[in-house]
Amino acid sequence: NPINPELLSIHIPKTAGRTFREILKSQYGVNGVLSLDHYYLTKQNEQL
């Protein structure tokens, strides 16, 4: 059975999300956090 993603972190703009992202990386590793946003996905015509 798949176990990922374990955490889904919804970053509402201007709520300390960048700082929290660095904390997540400190706990799960740089390669353990997929950081994306809907602006990028829309620009690339991609889905999550």
All heavy atoms as atom14 arrays in JSON, in Angstrom:
{
  "sequence": "NPINPELLSIHIPKTAGRTFREILKSQYGVNGVLSLDHYYLTKQNEQL",
  "atom14_mask": [
    [1, 1, 1, 1, 1, 1, 1, 1, 0, 0, 0, 0, 0, 0],
    [1, 1, 1, 1, 1, 1, 1, 0, 0, 0, 0, 0, 0, 0],
    [1, 1, 1, 1, 1, 1, 1, 1, 0, 0, 0, 0, 0, 0],
    [1, 1, 1, 1, 1, 1, 1, 1, 0, 0, 0, 0, 0, 0],
    [1, 1, 1, 1, 1, 1, 1, 0, 0, 0, 0, 0, 0, 0],
    [1, 1, 1, 1, 1, 1, 1, 1, 1, 0, 0, 0, 0, 0],
    [1, 1, 1, 1, 1, 1, 1, 1, 0, 0, 0, 0, 0, 0],
    [1, 1, 1, 1, 1, 1, 1, 1, 0, 0, 0, 0, 0, 0],
    [1, 1, 1, 1, 1, 1, 0, 0, 0, 0, 0, 0, 0, 0],
    [1, 1, 1, 1, 1, 1, 1, 1, 0, 0, 0, 0, 0, 0],
    [1, 1, 1, 1, 1, 1, 1, 1, 1, 1, 0, 0, 0, 0],
    [1, 1, 1, 1, 1, 1, 1, 1, 0, 0, 0, 0, 0, 0],
    [1, 1, 1, 1, 1, 1, 1, 0, 0, 0, 0, 0, 0, 0],
    [1, 1, 1, 1, 1, 1, 1, 1, 1, 0, 0, 0, 0, 0],
    [1, 1, 1, 1, 1, 1, 1, 0, 0, 0, 0, 0, 0, 0],
    [1, 1, 1, 1, 1, 0, 0, 0, 0, 0, 0, 0, 0, 0],
    [1, 1, 1, 1, 0, 0, 0, 0, 0, 0, 0, 0, 0, 0],
    [1, 1, 1, 1, 1, 1, 1, 1, 1, 1, 1, 0, 0, 0],
    [1, 1, 1, 1, 1, 1, 1, 0, 0, 0, 0, 0, 0, 0],
    [1, 1, 1, 1, 1, 1, 1, 1, 1, 1, 1, 0, 0, 0],
    [1, 1, 1, 1, 1, 1, 1, 1, 1, 1, 1, 0, 0, 0],
    [1, 1, 1, 1, 1, 1, 1, 1, 1, 0, 0, 0, 0, 0],
    [1, 1, 1, 1, 1, 1, 1, 1, 0, 0, 0, 0, 0, 0],
    [1, 1, 1, 1, 1, 1, 1, 1, 0, 0, 0, 0, 0, 0],
    [1, 1, 1, 1, 1, 1, 1, 1, 1, 0, 0, 0, 0, 0],
    [1, 1, 1, 1, 1, 1, 0, 0, 0, 0, 0, 0, 0, 0],
    [1, 1, 1, 1, 1, 1, 1, 1, 1, 0, 0, 0, 0, 0],
    [1, 1, 1, 1, 1, 1, 1, 1, 1, 1, 1, 1, 0, 0],
    [1, 1, 1, 1, 0, 0, 0, 0, 0, 0, 0, 0, 0, 0],
    [1, 1, 1, 1, 1, 1, 1, 0, 0, 0, 0, 0, 0, 0],
    [1, 1, 1, 1, 1, 1, 1, 1, 0, 0, 0, 0, 0, 0],
    [1, 1, 1, 1, 0, 0, 0, 0, 0, 0, 0, 0, 0, 0],
    [1, 1, 1, 1, 1, 1, 1, 0, 0, 0, 0, 0, 0, 0],
    [1, 1, 1, 1, 1, 1, 1, 1, 0, 0, 0, 0, 0, 0],
    [1, 1, 1, 1, 1, 1, 0, 0, 0, 0, 0, 0, 0, 0],
    [1, 1, 1, 1, 1, 1, 1, 1, 0, 0, 0, 0, 0, 0],
    [1, 1, 1, 1, 1, 1, 1, 1, 0, 0, 0, 0, 0, 0],
    [1, 1, 1, 1, 1, 1, 1, 1, 1, 1, 0, 0, 0, 0],
    [1, 1, 1, 1, 1, 1, 1, 1, 1, 1, 1, 1, 0, 0],
    [1, 1, 1, 1, 1, 1, 1, 1, 1, 1, 1, 1, 0, 0],
    [1, 1, 1, 1, 1, 1, 1, 1, 0, 0, 0, 0, 0, 0],
    [1, 1, 1, 1, 1, 1, 1, 0, 0, 0, 0, 0, 0, 0],
    [1, 1, 1, 1, 1, 1, 1, 1, 1, 0, 0, 0, 0, 0],
    [1, 1, 1, 1, 1, 1, 1, 1, 1, 0, 0, 0, 0, 0],
    [1, 1, 1, 1, 1, 1, 1, 1, 0, 0, 0, 0, 0, 0],
    [1, 1, 1, 1, 1, 1, 1, 1, 1, 0, 0, 0, 0, 0],
    [1, 1, 1, 1, 1, 1, 1, 1, 1, 0, 0, 0, 0, 0],
    [1, 1, 1, 1, 1, 1, 1, 1, 0, 0, 0, 0, 0, 0]
  ],
  "atom14_positions": [
    [[0.83, -1.19, 0.0], [0.0, 0.0, 0.0], [0.87, 1.25, 0.0], [1.88, 1.31, 0.72], [-0.9, 0.02, 1.24], [-1.94, -1.06, 1.2], [-2.42, -1.44, 0.14], [-2.3, -1.6, 2.36], [0.0, 0.0, 0.0], [0.0, 0.0, 0.0], [0.0, 0.0, 0.0], [0.0, 0.0, 0.0], [0.0, 0.0, 0.0], [0.0, 0.0, 0.0]],
    [[0.52, 2.26, -0.79], [1.31, 3.49, -0.8], [1.18, 4.21, 0.54], [0.16, 4.13, 1.21], [0.68, 4.29, -1.94], [-0.72, 3.78, -2.04], [-0.64, 2.32, -1.7], [0.0, 0.0, 0.0], [0.0, 0.0, 0.0], [0.0, 0.0, 0.0], [0.0, 0.0, 0.0], [0.0, 0.0, 0.0], [0.0, 0.0, 0.0], [0.0, 0.0, 0.0]],
    [[2.24, 4.92, 0.92], [2.21, 5.68, 2.17], [2.39, 7.18, 1.93], [2.2, 7.98, 2.84], [3.3, 5.2, 3.14], [4.69, 5.37, 2.51], [3.06, 3.76, 3.55], [5.84, 5.08, 3.47], [0.0, 0.0, 0.0], [0.0, 0.0, 0.0], [0.0, 0.0, 0.0], [0.0, 0.0, 0.0], [0.0, 0.0, 0.0], [0.0, 0.0, 0.0]],
    [[2.78, 7.54, 0.71], [2.98, 8.95, 0.38], [1.89, 9.45, -0.56], [1.4, 8.68, -1.39], [4.35, 9.15, -0.28], [5.5, 8.95, 0.67], [5.37, 9.21, 1.86], [6.62, 8.49, 0.15], [0.0, 0.0, 0.0], [0.0, 0.0, 0.0], [0.0, 0.0, 0.0], [0.0, 0.0, 0.0], [0.0, 0.0, 0.0], [0.0, 0.0, 0.0]],
    [[1.52, 10.72, -0.42], [2.06, 11.7, 0.51], [1.49, 11.56, 1.92], [0.3, 11.3, 2.09], [1.62, 13.04, -0.1], [0.35, 12.7, -0.84], [0.55, 11.3, -1.36], [0.0, 0.0, 0.0], [0.0, 0.0, 0.0], [0.0, 0.0, 0.0], [0.0, 0.0, 0.0], [0.0, 0.0, 0.0], [0.0, 0.0, 0.0], [0.0, 0.0, 0.0]],
    [[2.37, 11.75, 2.9], [1.95, 11.69, 4.3], [1.31, 13.0, 4.74], [0.28, 13.0, 5.4], [3.17, 11.39, 5.18], [2.86, 11.39, 6.67], [4.12, 11.24, 7.52], [5.16, 10.88, 6.96], [4.04, 11.5, 8.73], [0.0, 0.0, 0.0], [0.0, 0.0, 0.0], [0.0, 0.0, 0.0], [0.0, 0.0, 0.0], [0.0, 0.0, 0.0]],
    [[1.96, 14.11, 4.36], [1.47, 15.44, 4.74], [1.12, 16.26, 3.51], [1.88, 16.28, 2.54], [2.53, 16.2, 5.55], [2.98, 15.63, 6.88], [4.02, 16.54, 7.52], [1.8, 15.44, 7.81], [0.0, 0.0, 0.0], [0.0, 0.0, 0.0], [0.0, 0.0, 0.0], [0.0, 0.0, 0.0], [0.0, 0.0, 0.0], [0.0, 0.0, 0.0]],
    [[0.0, 16.95, 3.58], [-0.42, 17.88, 2.53], [-0.52, 19.25, 3.17], [-1.42, 19.52, 3.95], [-1.77, 17.44, 1.94], [-1.77, 16.06, 1.28], [-3.19, 15.66, 0.88], [-0.85, 16.02, 0.07], [0.0, 0.0, 0.0], [0.0, 0.0, 0.0], [0.0, 0.0, 0.0], [0.0, 0.0, 0.0], [0.0, 0.0, 0.0], [0.0, 0.0, 0.0]],
    [[0.44, 20.08, 2.84], [0.56, 21.4, 3.47], [0.0, 22.48, 2.54], [0.59, 22.8, 1.51], [2.03, 21.69, 3.8], [2.2, 22.99, 4.31], [0.0, 0.0, 0.0], [0.0, 0.0, 0.0], [0.0, 0.0, 0.0], [0.0, 0.0, 0.0], [0.0, 0.0, 0.0], [0.0, 0.0, 0.0], [0.0, 0.0, 0.0], [0.0, 0.0, 0.0]],
    [[-1.14, 23.03, 2.92], [-1.83, 24.05, 2.12], [-1.29, 25.42, 2.52], [-1.58, 25.93, 3.6], [-3.36, 23.98, 2.34], [-3.88, 22.59, 1.95], [-4.06, 25.08, 1.56], [-5.35, 22.36, 2.33], [0.0, 0.0, 0.0], [0.0, 0.0, 0.0], [0.0, 0.0, 0.0], [0.0, 0.0, 0.0], [0.0, 0.0, 0.0], [0.0, 0.0, 0.0]],
    [[-0.5, 26.01, 1.64], [0.13, 27.3, 1.94], [-0.75, 28.44, 1.43], [-0.75, 28.77, 0.24], [1.52, 27.37, 1.29], [2.19, 28.69, 1.43], [3.28, 29.06, 0.67], [1.93, 29.77, 2.22], [3.65, 30.28, 0.99], [2.84, 30.73, 1.92], [0.0, 0.0, 0.0], [0.0, 0.0, 0.0], [0.0, 0.0, 0.0], [0.0, 0.0, 0.0]],
    [[-1.5, 29.03, 2.32], [-2.29, 30.22, 1.99], [-1.33, 31.4, 1.89], [-0.46, 31.56, 2.76], [-3.36, 30.46, 3.07], [-4.32, 29.27, 3.14], [-4.12, 31.76, 2.79], [-5.22, 29.26, 4.36], [0.0, 0.0, 0.0], [0.0, 0.0, 0.0], [0.0, 0.0, 0.0], [0.0, 0.0, 0.0], [0.0, 0.0, 0.0], [0.0, 0.0, 0.0]],
    [[-1.42, 32.23, 0.85], [-0.46, 33.33, 0.68], [-0.36, 34.22, 1.91], [-1.36, 34.56, 2.55], [-1.04, 34.1, -0.52], [-1.76, 33.05, -1.31], [-2.36, 32.13, -0.29], [0.0, 0.0, 0.0], [0.0, 0.0, 0.0], [0.0, 0.0, 0.0], [0.0, 0.0, 0.0], [0.0, 0.0, 0.0], [0.0, 0.0, 0.0], [0.0, 0.0, 0.0]],
    [[0.88, 34.59, 2.22], [1.23, 35.51, 3.31], [0.87, 34.96, 4.68], [0.35, 35.67, 5.54], [0.6, 36.88, 3.09], [0.76, 37.45, 1.69], [2.16, 37.31, 1.14], [3.19, 38.15, 1.92], [4.58, 37.95, 1.38], [0.0, 0.0, 0.0], [0.0, 0.0, 0.0], [0.0, 0.0, 0.0], [0.0, 0.0, 0.0], [0.0, 0.0, 0.0]],
    [[1.15, 33.68, 4.89], [0.93, 33.07, 6.2], [2.17, 32.28, 6.65], [2.04, 31.2, 7.24], [-0.29, 32.13, 6.18], [-0.08, 31.1, 5.2], [-1.57, 32.88, 5.86], [0.0, 0.0, 0.0], [0.0, 0.0, 0.0], [0.0, 0.0, 0.0], [0.0, 0.0, 0.0], [0.0, 0.0, 0.0], [0.0, 0.0, 0.0], [0.0, 0.0, 0.0]],
    [[3.34, 32.8, 6.38], [4.61, 32.2, 6.81], [4.92, 30.87, 6.13], [5.65, 30.05, 6.66], [4.63, 32.01, 8.34], [0.0, 0.0, 0.0], [0.0, 0.0, 0.0], [0.0, 0.0, 0.0], [0.0, 0.0, 0.0], [0.0, 0.0, 0.0], [0.0, 0.0, 0.0], [0.0, 0.0, 0.0], [0.0, 0.0, 0.0], [0.0, 0.0, 0.0]],
    [[4.39, 30.68, 4.94], [4.58, 29.41, 4.25], [6.01, 29.13, 3.83], [6.45, 27.98, 3.84], [0.0, 0.0, 0.0], [0.0, 0.0, 0.0], [0.0, 0.0, 0.0], [0.0, 0.0, 0.0], [0.0, 0.0, 0.0], [0.0, 0.0, 0.0], [0.0, 0.0, 0.0], [0.0, 0.0, 0.0], [0.0, 0.0, 0.0], [0.0, 0.0, 0.0]],
    [[6.77, 30.15, 3.47], [8.17, 29.92, 3.07], [8.99, 29.42, 4.25], [9.8, 28.5, 4.12], [8.77, 31.21, 2.51], [8.26, 31.62, 1.15], [9.04, 32.81, 0.63], [8.53, 33.28, -0.64], [9.05, 34.31, -1.32], [10.11, 34.93, -0.83], [8.53, 34.69, -2.47], [0.0, 0.0, 0.0], [0.0, 0.0, 0.0], [0.0, 0.0, 0.0]],
    [[8.78, 30.04, 5.38], [9.49, 29.61, 6.58], [9.1, 28.18, 6.94], [9.95, 27.35, 7.28], [9.16, 30.55, 7.76], [9.49, 31.89, 7.39], [9.95, 30.16, 9.0], [0.0, 0.0, 0.0], [0.0, 0.0, 0.0], [0.0, 0.0, 0.0], [0.0, 0.0, 0.0], [0.0, 0.0, 0.0], [0.0, 0.0, 0.0], [0.0, 0.0, 0.0]],
    [[7.81, 27.88, 6.84], [7.35, 26.53, 7.17], [7.92, 25.5, 6.2], [8.25, 24.38, 6.58], [5.82, 26.49, 7.16], [5.27, 25.19, 7.65], [5.62, 24.69, 8.91], [4.41, 24.45, 6.86], [5.1, 23.48, 9.36], [3.89, 23.24, 7.3], [4.24, 22.76, 8.56], [0.0, 0.0, 0.0], [0.0, 0.0, 0.0], [0.0, 0.0, 0.0]],
    [[8.06, 25.89, 4.94], [8.65, 24.98, 3.95], [10.07, 24.58, 4.35], [10.45, 23.42, 4.22], [8.66, 25.65, 2.57], [9.27, 24.76, 1.47], [9.33, 25.54, 0.16], [10.2, 26.7, 0.26], [10.21, 27.7, -0.61], [9.39, 27.69, -1.65], [11.04, 28.72, -0.45], [0.0, 0.0, 0.0], [0.0, 0.0, 0.0], [0.0, 0.0, 0.0]],
    [[10.85, 25.54, 4.84], [12.21, 25.22, 5.26], [12.22, 24.3, 6.47], [13.09, 23.43, 6.6], [12.97, 26.52, 5.56], [13.16, 27.42, 4.35], [13.72, 26.67, 3.15], [14.78, 26.01, 3.31], [13.11, 26.71, 2.06], [0.0, 0.0, 0.0], [0.0, 0.0, 0.0], [0.0, 0.0, 0.0], [0.0, 0.0, 0.0], [0.0, 0.0, 0.0]],
    [[11.24, 24.47, 7.34], [11.13, 23.58, 8.5], [10.77, 22.18, 8.04], [11.32, 21.18, 8.54], [10.09, 24.13, 9.49], [10.63, 25.41, 10.14], [9.74, 23.1, 10.56], [9.64, 26.16, 10.99], [0.0, 0.0, 0.0], [0.0, 0.0, 0.0], [0.0, 0.0, 0.0], [0.0, 0.0, 0.0], [0.0, 0.0, 0.0], [0.0, 0.0, 0.0]],
    [[9.87, 22.07, 7.09], [9.52, 20.76, 6.53], [10.74, 20.08, 5.93], [10.97, 18.88, 6.13], [8.42, 20.91, 5.48], [7.03, 21.29, 6.0], [6.11, 21.64, 4.83], [6.42, 20.17, 6.83], [0.0, 0.0, 0.0], [0.0, 0.0, 0.0], [0.0, 0.0, 0.0], [0.0, 0.0, 0.0], [0.0, 0.0, 0.0], [0.0, 0.0, 0.0]],
    [[11.54, 20.85, 5.21], [12.75, 20.28, 4.61], [13.75, 19.82, 5.67], [14.47, 18.84, 5.48], [13.4, 21.3, 3.68], [12.63, 21.55, 2.39], [13.33, 22.58, 1.52], [12.58, 22.8, 0.22], [13.24, 23.82, -0.64], [0.0, 0.0, 0.0], [0.0, 0.0, 0.0], [0.0, 0.0, 0.0], [0.0, 0.0, 0.0], [0.0, 0.0, 0.0]],
    [[13.78, 20.54, 6.79], [14.7, 20.15, 7.87], [14.28, 18.83, 8.5], [15.12, 18.13, 9.08], [14.75, 21.25, 8.95], [13.61, 21.21, 9.8], [0.0, 0.0, 0.0], [0.0, 0.0, 0.0], [0.0, 0.0, 0.0], [0.0, 0.0, 0.0], [0.0, 0.0, 0.0], [0.0, 0.0, 0.0], [0.0, 0.0, 0.0], [0.0, 0.0, 0.0]],
    [[13.01, 18.48, 8.38], [12.51, 17.26, 8.99], [12.44, 16.09, 8.01], [12.66, 14.94, 8.38], [11.11, 17.51, 9.58], [11.07, 18.54, 10.69], [11.94, 18.14, 11.87], [11.81, 17.05, 12.4], [12.84, 19.03, 12.28], [0.0, 0.0, 0.0], [0.0, 0.0, 0.0], [0.0, 0.0, 0.0], [0.0, 0.0, 0.0], [0.0, 0.0, 0.0]],
    [[12.12, 16.37, 6.75], [11.91, 15.3, 5.77], [12.98, 15.28, 4.69], [12.95, 14.4, 3.82], [10.52, 15.45, 5.13], [9.41, 15.3, 6.13], [8.88, 16.41, 6.77], [8.9, 14.04, 6.45], [7.87, 16.27, 7.71], [7.88, 13.9, 7.39], [7.37, 15.02, 8.02], [6.38, 14.88, 8.95], [0.0, 0.0, 0.0], [0.0, 0.0, 0.0]],
    [[13.91, 16.23, 4.74], [14.96, 16.3, 3.74], [14.53, 17.13, 2.54], [13.33, 17.23, 2.23], [0.0, 0.0, 0.0], [0.0, 0.0, 0.0], [0.0, 0.0, 0.0], [0.0, 0.0, 0.0], [0.0, 0.0, 0.0], [0.0, 0.0, 0.0], [0.0, 0.0, 0.0], [0.0, 0.0, 0.0], [0.0, 0.0, 0.0], [0.0, 0.0, 0.0]],
    [[15.51, 17.7, 1.87], [15.23, 18.54, 0.7], [14.49, 17.74, -0.37], [13.59, 18.27, -1.05], [16.55, 19.11, 0.13], [16.29, 19.85, -1.17], [17.21, 20.03, 1.14], [0.0, 0.0, 0.0], [0.0, 0.0, 0.0], [0.0, 0.0, 0.0], [0.0, 0.0, 0.0], [0.0, 0.0, 0.0], [0.0, 0.0, 0.0], [0.0, 0.0, 0.0]],
    [[14.83, 16.47, -0.5], [14.2, 15.63, -1.51], [12.92, 14.97, -1.02], [12.32, 14.18, -1.75], [15.18, 14.56, -1.99], [16.39, 15.14, -2.69], [16.27, 16.14, -3.4], [17.56, 14.55, -2.47], [0.0, 0.0, 0.0], [0.0, 0.0, 0.0], [0.0, 0.0, 0.0], [0.0, 0.0, 0.0], [0.0, 0.0, 0.0], [0.0, 0.0, 0.0]],
    [[12.52, 15.31, 0.19], [11.3, 14.73, 0.73], [10.1, 15.64, 0.63], [8.98, 15.27, 1.02], [0.0, 0.0, 0.0], [0.0, 0.0, 0.0], [0.0, 0.0, 0.0], [0.0, 0.0, 0.0], [0.0, 0.0, 0.0], [0.0, 0.0, 0.0], [0.0, 0.0, 0.0], [0.0, 0.0, 0.0], [0.0, 0.0, 0.0], [0.0, 0.0, 0.0]],
    [[10.31, 16.87, 0.12], [9.24, 17.86, 0.03], [9.05, 18.28, -1.42], [9.97, 18.82, -2.04], [9.55, 19.1, 0.9], [8.44, 20.14, 0.77], [9.75, 18.7, 2.36], [0.0, 0.0, 0.0], [0.0, 0.0, 0.0], [0.0, 0.0, 0.0], [0.0, 0.0, 0.0], [0.0, 0.0, 0.0], [0.0, 0.0, 0.0], [0.0, 0.0, 0.0]],
    [[7.88, 18.03, -1.94], [7.53, 18.5, -3.29], [6.83, 19.85, -3.14], [5.75, 19.94, -2.55], [6.6, 17.51, -3.98], [6.07, 17.94, -5.37], [7.21, 18.15, -6.35], [5.08, 16.91, -5.89], [0.0, 0.0, 0.0], [0.0, 0.0, 0.0], [0.0, 0.0, 0.0], [0.0, 0.0, 0.0], [0.0, 0.0, 0.0], [0.0, 0.0, 0.0]],
    [[7.48, 20.89, -3.63], [6.96, 22.24, -3.49], [6.46, 22.73, -4.85], [7.25, 22.9, -5.78], [8.05, 23.17, -2.96], [7.55, 24.46, -2.72], [0.0, 0.0, 0.0], [0.0, 0.0, 0.0], [0.0, 0.0, 0.0], [0.0, 0.0, 0.0], [0.0, 0.0, 0.0], [0.0, 0.0, 0.0], [0.0, 0.0, 0.0], [0.0, 0.0, 0.0]],
    [[5.15, 22.94, -4.94], [4.52, 23.4, -6.17], [3.44, 24.42, -5.83], [3.03, 24.55, -4.68], [3.88, 22.22, -6.92], [4.82, 21.23, -7.61], [4.02, 20.02, -8.08], [5.54, 21.87, -8.79], [0.0, 0.0, 0.0], [0.0, 0.0, 0.0], [0.0, 0.0, 0.0], [0.0, 0.0, 0.0], [0.0, 0.0, 0.0], [0.0, 0.0, 0.0]],
    [[2.97, 25.11, -6.85], [1.83, 26.0, -6.63], [0.95, 26.02, -7.88], [1.38, 25.64, -8.96], [2.27, 27.41, -6.24], [3.06, 28.12, -7.32], [2.5, 28.36, -8.4], [4.24, 28.44, -7.08], [0.0, 0.0, 0.0], [0.0, 0.0, 0.0], [0.0, 0.0, 0.0], [0.0, 0.0, 0.0], [0.0, 0.0, 0.0], [0.0, 0.0, 0.0]],
    [[-0.27, 26.46, -7.67], [-1.24, 26.4, -8.78], [-0.89, 27.39, -9.89], [-1.26, 27.18, -11.04], [-2.66, 26.63, -8.27], [-2.92, 27.99, -7.7], [-3.32, 29.04, -8.47], [-2.84, 28.45, -6.43], [-3.5, 30.12, -7.71], [-3.21, 29.79, -6.46], [0.0, 0.0, 0.0], [0.0, 0.0, 0.0], [0.0, 0.0, 0.0], [0.0, 0.0, 0.0]],
    [[-0.14, 28.45, -9.58], [0.28, 29.4, -10.62], [1.2, 28.69, -11.61], [1.04, 28.81, -12.83], [1.01, 30.59, -9.99], [0.26, 31.28, -8.89], [0.67, 31.15, -7.55], [-0.85, 32.07, -9.15], [-0.01, 31.78, -6.53], [-1.55, 32.71, -8.13], [-1.12, 32.56, -6.83], [-1.79, 33.17, -5.81], [0.0, 0.0, 0.0], [0.0, 0.0, 0.0]],
    [[2.18, 27.98, -11.07], [3.13, 27.25, -11.92], [2.41, 26.19, -12.74], [2.64, 26.05, -13.95], [4.21, 26.6, -11.06], [5.11, 25.65, -11.82], [6.21, 26.13, -12.54], [4.85, 24.27, -11.83], [7.03, 25.26, -13.25], [5.68, 23.4, -12.54], [6.75, 23.9, -13.25], [7.55, 23.04, -13.96], [0.0, 0.0, 0.0], [0.0, 0.0, 0.0]],
    [[1.53, 25.42, -12.1], [0.83, 24.35, -12.8], [-0.02, 24.9, -13.94], [-0.06, 24.34, -15.03], [-0.04, 23.57, -11.82], [0.72, 22.76, -10.76], [-0.26, 22.19, -9.74], [1.53, 21.64, -11.4], [0.0, 0.0, 0.0], [0.0, 0.0, 0.0], [0.0, 0.0, 0.0], [0.0, 0.0, 0.0], [0.0, 0.0, 0.0], [0.0, 0.0, 0.0]],
    [[-0.68, 26.02, -13.68], [-1.5, 26.64, -14.72], [-0.64, 27.11, -15.88], [-0.98, 26.9, -17.05], [-2.3, 27.82, -14.14], [-3.16, 27.35, -13.1], [-3.14, 28.49, -15.22], [0.0, 0.0, 0.0], [0.0, 0.0, 0.0], [0.0, 0.0, 0.0], [0.0, 0.0, 0.0], [0.0, 0.0, 0.0], [0.0, 0.0, 0.0], [0.0, 0.0, 0.0]],
    [[0.49, 27.75, -15.56], [1.38, 28.27, -16.6], [1.93, 27.13, -17.46], [2.1, 27.28, -18.67], [2.54, 29.03, -15.95], [3.46, 29.71, -16.94], [4.53, 30.52, -16.23], [5.45, 31.22, -17.22], [6.51, 32.01, -16.52], [0.0, 0.0, 0.0], [0.0, 0.0, 0.0], [0.0, 0.0, 0.0], [0.0, 0.0, 0.0], [0.0, 0.0, 0.0]],
    [[2.21, 25.98, -16.83], [2.76, 24.84, -17.55], [1.68, 23.94, -18.15], [2.0, 22.94, -18.79], [3.63, 24.0, -16.6], [4.82, 24.75, -16.01], [5.8, 25.19, -17.08], [6.12, 24.45, -18.01], [6.28, 26.42, -16.96], [0.0, 0.0, 0.0], [0.0, 0.0, 0.0], [0.0, 0.0, 0.0], [0.0, 0.0, 0.0], [0.0, 0.0, 0.0]],
    [[0.42, 24.32, -17.92], [-0.71, 23.5, -18.38], [-0.6, 22.08, -17.83], [-0.79, 21.09, -18.57], [-0.78, 23.49, -19.91], [-2.11, 22.97, -20.43], [-3.15, 23.08, -19.76], [-2.1, 22.38, -21.61], [0.0, 0.0, 0.0], [0.0, 0.0, 0.0], [0.0, 0.0, 0.0], [0.0, 0.0, 0.0], [0.0, 0.0, 0.0], [0.0, 0.0, 0.0]],
    [[-0.31, 21.99, -16.54], [-0.14, 20.7, -15.89], [-1.16, 20.53, -14.77], [-1.76, 21.5, -14.3], [1.27, 20.58, -15.28], [2.38, 20.56, -16.31], [3.75, 20.49, -15.66], [3.84, 20.66, -14.42], [4.73, 20.28, -16.39], [0.0, 0.0, 0.0], [0.0, 0.0, 0.0], [0.0, 0.0, 0.0], [0.0, 0.0, 0.0], [0.0, 0.0, 0.0]],
    [[-1.31, 19.28, -14.35], [-2.1, 18.94, -13.18], [-1.16, 18.46, -12.09], [-0.06, 17.96, -12.38], [-3.12, 17.83, -13.5], [-4.1, 18.18, -14.6], [-5.02, 19.32, -14.2], [-5.47, 19.41, -13.06], [-5.32, 20.2, -15.16], [0.0, 0.0, 0.0], [0.0, 0.0, 0.0], [0.0, 0.0, 0.0], [0.0, 0.0, 0.0], [0.0, 0.0, 0.0]],
    [[-1.56, 18.59, -10.85], [-0.73, 18.11, -9.76], [-0.44, 16.62, -9.91], [0.67, 16.15, -9.63], [-1.41, 18.39, -8.41], [-0.63, 18.01, -7.15], [0.72, 18.72, -7.11], [-1.44, 18.37, -5.9], [0.0, 0.0, 0.0], [0.0, 0.0, 0.0], [0.0, 0.0, 0.0], [0.0, 0.0, 0.0], [0.0, 0.0, 0.0], [0.0, 0.0, 0.0]]
  ]
}
